[in-house]
C-alpha atoms as a PDB file:
ATOM      1  CA  MET A   1      40.819 -99.686 -86.426  1.00  0.00           C
ATOM      2  CA  SER A   2      41.376-100.827 -82.848  1.00  0.00           C
ATOM      3  CA  THR A   3      41.204 -98.728 -79.746  1.00  0.00           C
ATOM      4  CA  THR A   4      43.605 -98.833 -76.859  1.00  0.00           C
ATOM      5  CA  THR A   5      43.409 -97.724 -73.268  1.00  0.00           C
ATOM      6  CA  GLN A   6      46.489 -95.553 -73.742  1.00  0.00           C
ATOM      7  CA  THR A   7      47.005 -92.636 -76.064  1.00  0.00           C
ATOM      8  CA  ALA A   8      49.504 -93.633 -78.719  1.00  0.00           C
ATOM      9  CA  GLN A   9      52.656 -91.560 -79.051  1.00  0.00           C
ATOM     10  CA  TYR A  10      53.233 -93.002 -82.512  1.00  0.00           C
ATOM     11  CA  VAL A  11      51.415 -95.346 -84.870  1.00  0.00           C
ATOM     12  CA  ALA A  12      53.189 -97.279 -87.618  1.00  0.00           C
ATOM     13  CA  SER A  13      51.016 -98.589 -90.416  1.00  0.00           C
ATOM     14  CA  ALA A  14      51.897-101.195 -93.028  1.00  0.00           C
ATOM     15  CA  THR A  15      49.893-103.189 -95.525  1.00  0.00           C
ATOM     16  CA  ALA A  16      50.892-106.656 -96.707  1.00  0.00           C
ATOM     17  CA  SER A  17      49.412-109.105 -99.164  1.00  0.00           C
ATOM     18  CA  GLY A  18      50.747-112.293 -97.551  1.00  0.00           C
ATOM     19  CA  ARG A  19      53.972-114.276 -97.379  1.00  0.00           C
ATOM     20  CA  GLU A  20      54.259-114.206-101.158  1.00  0.00           C
ATOM     21  CA  GLY A  21      53.715-110.599-102.110  1.00  0.00           C
ATOM     22  CA  ARG A  22      54.634-107.180-100.846  1.00  0.00           C
ATOM     23  CA  ALA A  23      54.618-105.130 -97.635  1.00  0.00           C
ATOM     24  CA  VAL A  24      54.544-101.337 -97.706  1.00  0.00           C
ATOM     25  CA  THR A  25      54.402 -98.796 -94.901  1.00  0.00           C
ATOM     26  CA  SER A  26      51.938 -95.927 -95.141  1.00  0.00           C
ATOM     27  CA  ASP A  27      54.781 -93.432 -95.621  1.00  0.00           C
ATOM     28  CA  GLY A  28      56.420 -95.570 -98.333  1.00  0.00           C
ATOM     29  CA  ARG A  29      59.775 -95.740 -96.535  1.00  0.00           C
ATOM     30  CA  LEU A  30      59.566 -99.526 -96.313  1.00  0.00           C
ATOM     31  CA  ASP A  31      58.522-101.348 -99.463  1.00  0.00           C
ATOM     32  CA  VAL A  32      59.663-104.953 -99.550  1.00  0.00           C
ATOM     33  CA  THR A  33      59.005-108.038-101.605  1.00  0.00           C
ATOM     34  CA  LEU A  34      57.866-110.899 -99.404  1.00  0.00           C
ATOM     35  CA  ALA A  35      58.652-114.541-100.063  1.00  0.00           C
ATOM     36  CA  ALA A  36      58.577-117.632 -97.919  1.00  0.00           C
ATOM     37  CA  PRO A  37      62.067-118.903 -97.087  1.00  0.00           C
ATOM     38  CA  ARG A  38      63.446-121.885 -98.944  1.00  0.00           C
ATOM     39  CA  GLU A  39      63.343-123.847 -95.666  1.00  0.00           C
ATOM     40  CA  LEU A  40      59.538-123.564 -95.813  1.00  0.00           C
ATOM     41  CA  GLY A  41      59.284-124.448 -99.483  1.00  0.00           C
ATOM     42  CA  GLY A  42      59.296-120.895-100.781  1.00  0.00           C
ATOM     43  CA  SER A  43      61.509-119.189-103.287  1.00  0.00           C
ATOM     44  CA  GLY A  44      63.476-117.236-100.694  1.00  0.00           C
ATOM     45  CA  ASP A  45      63.569-114.360-103.181  1.00  0.00           C
ATOM     46  CA  GLY A  46      62.337-111.795-100.682  1.00  0.00           C
ATOM     47  CA  THR A  47      62.228-111.063 -97.009  1.00  0.00           C
ATOM     48  CA  ASN A  48      59.747-112.726 -94.669  1.00  0.00           C
ATOM     49  CA  PRO A  49      57.750-111.678 -91.605  1.00  0.00           C
ATOM     50  CA  GLU A  50      60.145-113.409 -89.214  1.00  0.00           C
ATOM     51  CA  GLN A  51      63.084-111.392 -90.577  1.00  0.00           C
ATOM     52  CA  LEU A  52      61.120-108.165 -90.220  1.00  0.00           C
ATOM     53  CA  PHE A  53      60.166-109.075 -86.650  1.00  0.00           C
ATOM     54  CA  ALA A  54      63.797-109.986 -85.860  1.00  0.00           C
ATOM     55  CA  ALA A  55      65.055-106.647 -87.183  1.00  0.00           C
ATOM     56  CA  GLY A  56      62.427-104.707 -85.259  1.00  0.00           C
ATOM     57  CA  TYR A  57      62.983-106.566 -81.989  1.00  0.00           C
ATOM     58  CA  ALA A  58      66.793-106.268 -82.235  1.00  0.00           C
ATOM     59  CA  ALA A  59      66.593-102.517 -82.906  1.00  0.00           C
ATOM     60  CA  CYS A  60      64.038-101.928 -80.161  1.00  0.00           C
ATOM     61  CA  PHE A  61      65.967-103.922 -77.555  1.00  0.00           C
ATOM     62  CA  ALA A  62      69.250-102.181 -78.423  1.00  0.00           C
ATOM     63  CA  SER A  63      67.524 -98.808 -78.039  1.00  0.00           C
ATOM     64  CA  ALA A  64      66.010 -99.862 -74.713  1.00  0.00           C
ATOM     65  CA  LEU A  65      69.479-100.902 -73.523  1.00  0.00           C
ATOM     66  CA  GLY A  66      70.880 -97.521 -74.542  1.00  0.00           C
ATOM     67  CA  LEU A  67      68.098 -95.703 -72.693  1.00  0.00           C
ATOM     68  CA  VAL A  68      68.648 -97.748 -69.538  1.00  0.00           C
ATOM     69  CA  ALA A  69      72.432 -97.234 -69.726  1.00  0.00           C
ATOM     70  CA  ARG A  70      72.031 -93.456 -70.108  1.00  0.00           C
ATOM     71  CA  LYS A  71      69.722 -93.333 -67.091  1.00  0.00           C
ATOM     72  CA  ARG A  72      72.371 -95.237 -65.115  1.00  0.00           C
ATOM     73  CA  ARG A  73      75.017 -92.820 -66.459  1.00  0.00           C
ATOM     74  CA  VAL A  74      76.999 -95.593 -68.141  1.00  0.00           C
ATOM     75  CA  GLU A  75      79.391 -93.982 -70.615  1.00  0.00           C
ATOM     76  CA  ASP A  76      80.809 -95.378 -73.864  1.00  0.00           C
ATOM     77  CA  PHE A  77      77.968 -97.851 -74.126  1.00  0.00           C
ATOM     78  CA  ASP A  78      78.316 -99.561 -77.497  1.00  0.00           C
ATOM     79  CA  VAL A  79      75.865-102.395 -77.885  1.00  0.00           C
ATOM     80  CA  ALA A  80      74.720-104.766 -80.611  1.00  0.00           C
ATOM     81  CA  VAL A  81      71.690-107.030 -80.440  1.00  0.00           C
ATOM     82  CA  THR A  82      70.964-109.929 -82.766  1.00  0.00           C
ATOM     83  CA  ALA A  83      67.478-111.425 -82.658  1.00  0.00           C
ATOM     84  CA  ASP A  84      67.031-115.001 -83.819  1.00  0.00           C
ATOM     85  CA  VAL A  85      63.334-115.547 -84.512  1.00  0.00           C
ATOM     86  CA  SER A  86      62.258-119.139 -85.014  1.00  0.00           C
ATOM     87  CA  LEU A  87      59.031-120.400 -86.531  1.00  0.00           C
ATOM     88  CA  SER A  88      57.763-123.775 -85.440  1.00  0.00           C
ATOM     89  CA  GLY A  89      54.599-125.837 -85.602  1.00  0.00           C
ATOM     90  CA  SER A  90      52.407-126.861 -88.491  1.00  0.00           C
ATOM     91  CA  SER A  91      49.195-125.909 -90.212  1.00  0.00           C
ATOM     92  CA  GLY A  92      47.473-128.675 -88.248  1.00  0.00           C
ATOM     93  CA  THR A  93      48.679-127.669 -84.806  1.00  0.00           C
ATOM     94  CA  GLY A  94      49.241-123.971 -85.424  1.00  0.00           C
ATOM     95  CA  PHE A  95      52.439-122.018 -85.776  1.00  0.00           C
ATOM     96  CA  GLY A  96      54.397-120.271 -83.065  1.00  0.00           C
ATOM     97  CA  LEU A  97      57.407-118.021 -82.705  1.00  0.00           C
ATOM     98  CA  GLY A  98      60.382-118.121 -80.388  1.00  0.00           C
ATOM     99  CA  VAL A  99      63.103-115.524 -79.906  1.00  0.00           C
ATOM    100  CA  VAL A 100      66.706-115.648 -78.746  1.00  0.00           C
ATOM    101  CA  LEU A 101      68.269-112.223 -78.228  1.00  0.00           C
ATOM    102  CA  HIS A 102      72.066-112.198 -78.399  1.00  0.00           C
ATOM    103  CA  VAL A 103      73.314-109.074 -76.629  1.00  0.00           C
ATOM    104  CA  GLU A 104      76.880-107.850 -77.144  1.00  0.00           C
ATOM    105  CA  LEU A 105      77.899-105.382 -74.443  1.00  0.00           C
ATOM    106  CA  PRO A 106      81.081-103.345 -74.077  1.00  0.00           C
ATOM    107  CA  GLU A 107      84.139-105.256 -72.908  1.00  0.00           C
ATOM    108  CA  GLY A 108      85.039-104.678 -69.286  1.00  0.00           C
ATOM    109  CA  LEU A 109      81.481-103.892 -68.192  1.00  0.00           C
ATOM    110  CA  ASP A 110      80.844-105.176 -64.673  1.00  0.00           C
ATOM    111  CA  PRO A 111      78.880-108.455 -65.040  1.00  0.00           C
ATOM    112  CA  GLN A 112      76.365-107.502 -62.353  1.00  0.00           C
ATOM    113  CA  LEU A 113      75.728-104.119 -63.971  1.00  0.00           C
ATOM    114  CA  ALA A 114      75.441-105.823 -67.369  1.00  0.00           C
ATOM    115  CA  ARG A 115      72.770-108.196 -66.049  1.00  0.00           C
ATOM    116  CA  GLU A 116      70.868-105.309 -64.423  1.00  0.00           C
ATOM    117  CA  LEU A 117      70.935-103.306 -67.657  1.00  0.00           C
ATOM    118  CA  VAL A 118      69.728-106.258 -69.734  1.00  0.00           C
ATOM    119  CA  ASP A 119      66.983-107.169 -67.242  1.00  0.00           C
ATOM    120  CA  THR A 120      65.775-103.578 -67.039  1.00  0.00           C
ATOM    121  CA  ALA A 121      65.833-103.200 -70.825  1.00  0.00           C
ATOM    122  CA  HIS A 122      63.692-106.352 -71.043  1.00  0.00           C
ATOM    123  CA  GLN A 123      61.112-104.593 -68.840  1.00  0.00           C
ATOM    124  CA  VAL A 124      61.257-101.353 -70.899  1.00  0.00           C
ATOM    125  CA  CYS A 125      61.362-102.658 -74.487  1.00  0.00           C
ATOM    126  CA  PRO A 126      57.913-102.590 -76.128  1.00  0.00           C
ATOM    127  CA  TYR A 127      58.654-105.802 -78.049  1.00  0.00           C
ATOM    128  CA  SER A 128      59.591-107.574 -74.825  1.00  0.00           C
ATOM    129  CA  ASN A 129      56.409-106.319 -73.199  1.00  0.00           C
ATOM    130  CA  ALA A 130      54.326-107.479 -76.168  1.00  0.00           C
ATOM    131  CA  THR A 131      55.874-110.957 -76.254  1.00  0.00           C
ATOM    132  CA  ARG A 132      56.045-111.571 -72.486  1.00  0.00           C
ATOM    133  CA  GLY A 133      53.910-114.576 -71.621  1.00  0.00           C
ATOM    134  CA  ASN A 134      53.039-115.132 -75.284  1.00  0.00           C
ATOM    135  CA  ILE A 135      56.188-116.611 -76.803  1.00  0.00           C
ATOM    136  CA  PRO A 136      59.454-117.847 -75.356  1.00  0.00           C
ATOM    137  CA  VAL A 137      62.178-115.180 -75.290  1.00  0.00           C
ATOM    138  CA  GLU A 138      65.699-116.089 -74.198  1.00  0.00           C
ATOM    139  CA  ILE A 139      68.390-113.455 -73.655  1.00  0.00           C
ATOM    140  CA  VAL A 140      72.016-114.472 -74.095  1.00  0.00           C
ATOM    141  CA  VAL A 141      74.710-111.978 -73.130  1.00  0.00           C
ATOM    142  CA  ASP A 142      77.692-112.632 -75.381  1.00  0.00           C
END
């Protein structure tokens, strides 16, 4: 168990047996079969860590955008975020991740306000804070 300098407001716990196996959260709400994607020589018959990371990052960033919009009193703020997580490298050189976040904002939103909301959300989102300086993250406003 690791220690942190901050008191945690919430701790999620999951156990996995590897890319070919199973991942289960401590509360049992998530229980998935894991399989390497066909593109990496696997069966593709399950989900993979990159998909789980993409889902988590997309959900977190969308929530951060909603929080920032509420604080700015932006009404009717419907947003969708798609996270494309790429895996690159090799076993010899090491593997790395990259992320492209595609953000769909409400039509008619002032472009300057949209950029401010996205930039602020990128500062607030825990996934963005965790990845900053560690992996490339590109944000595309669609």
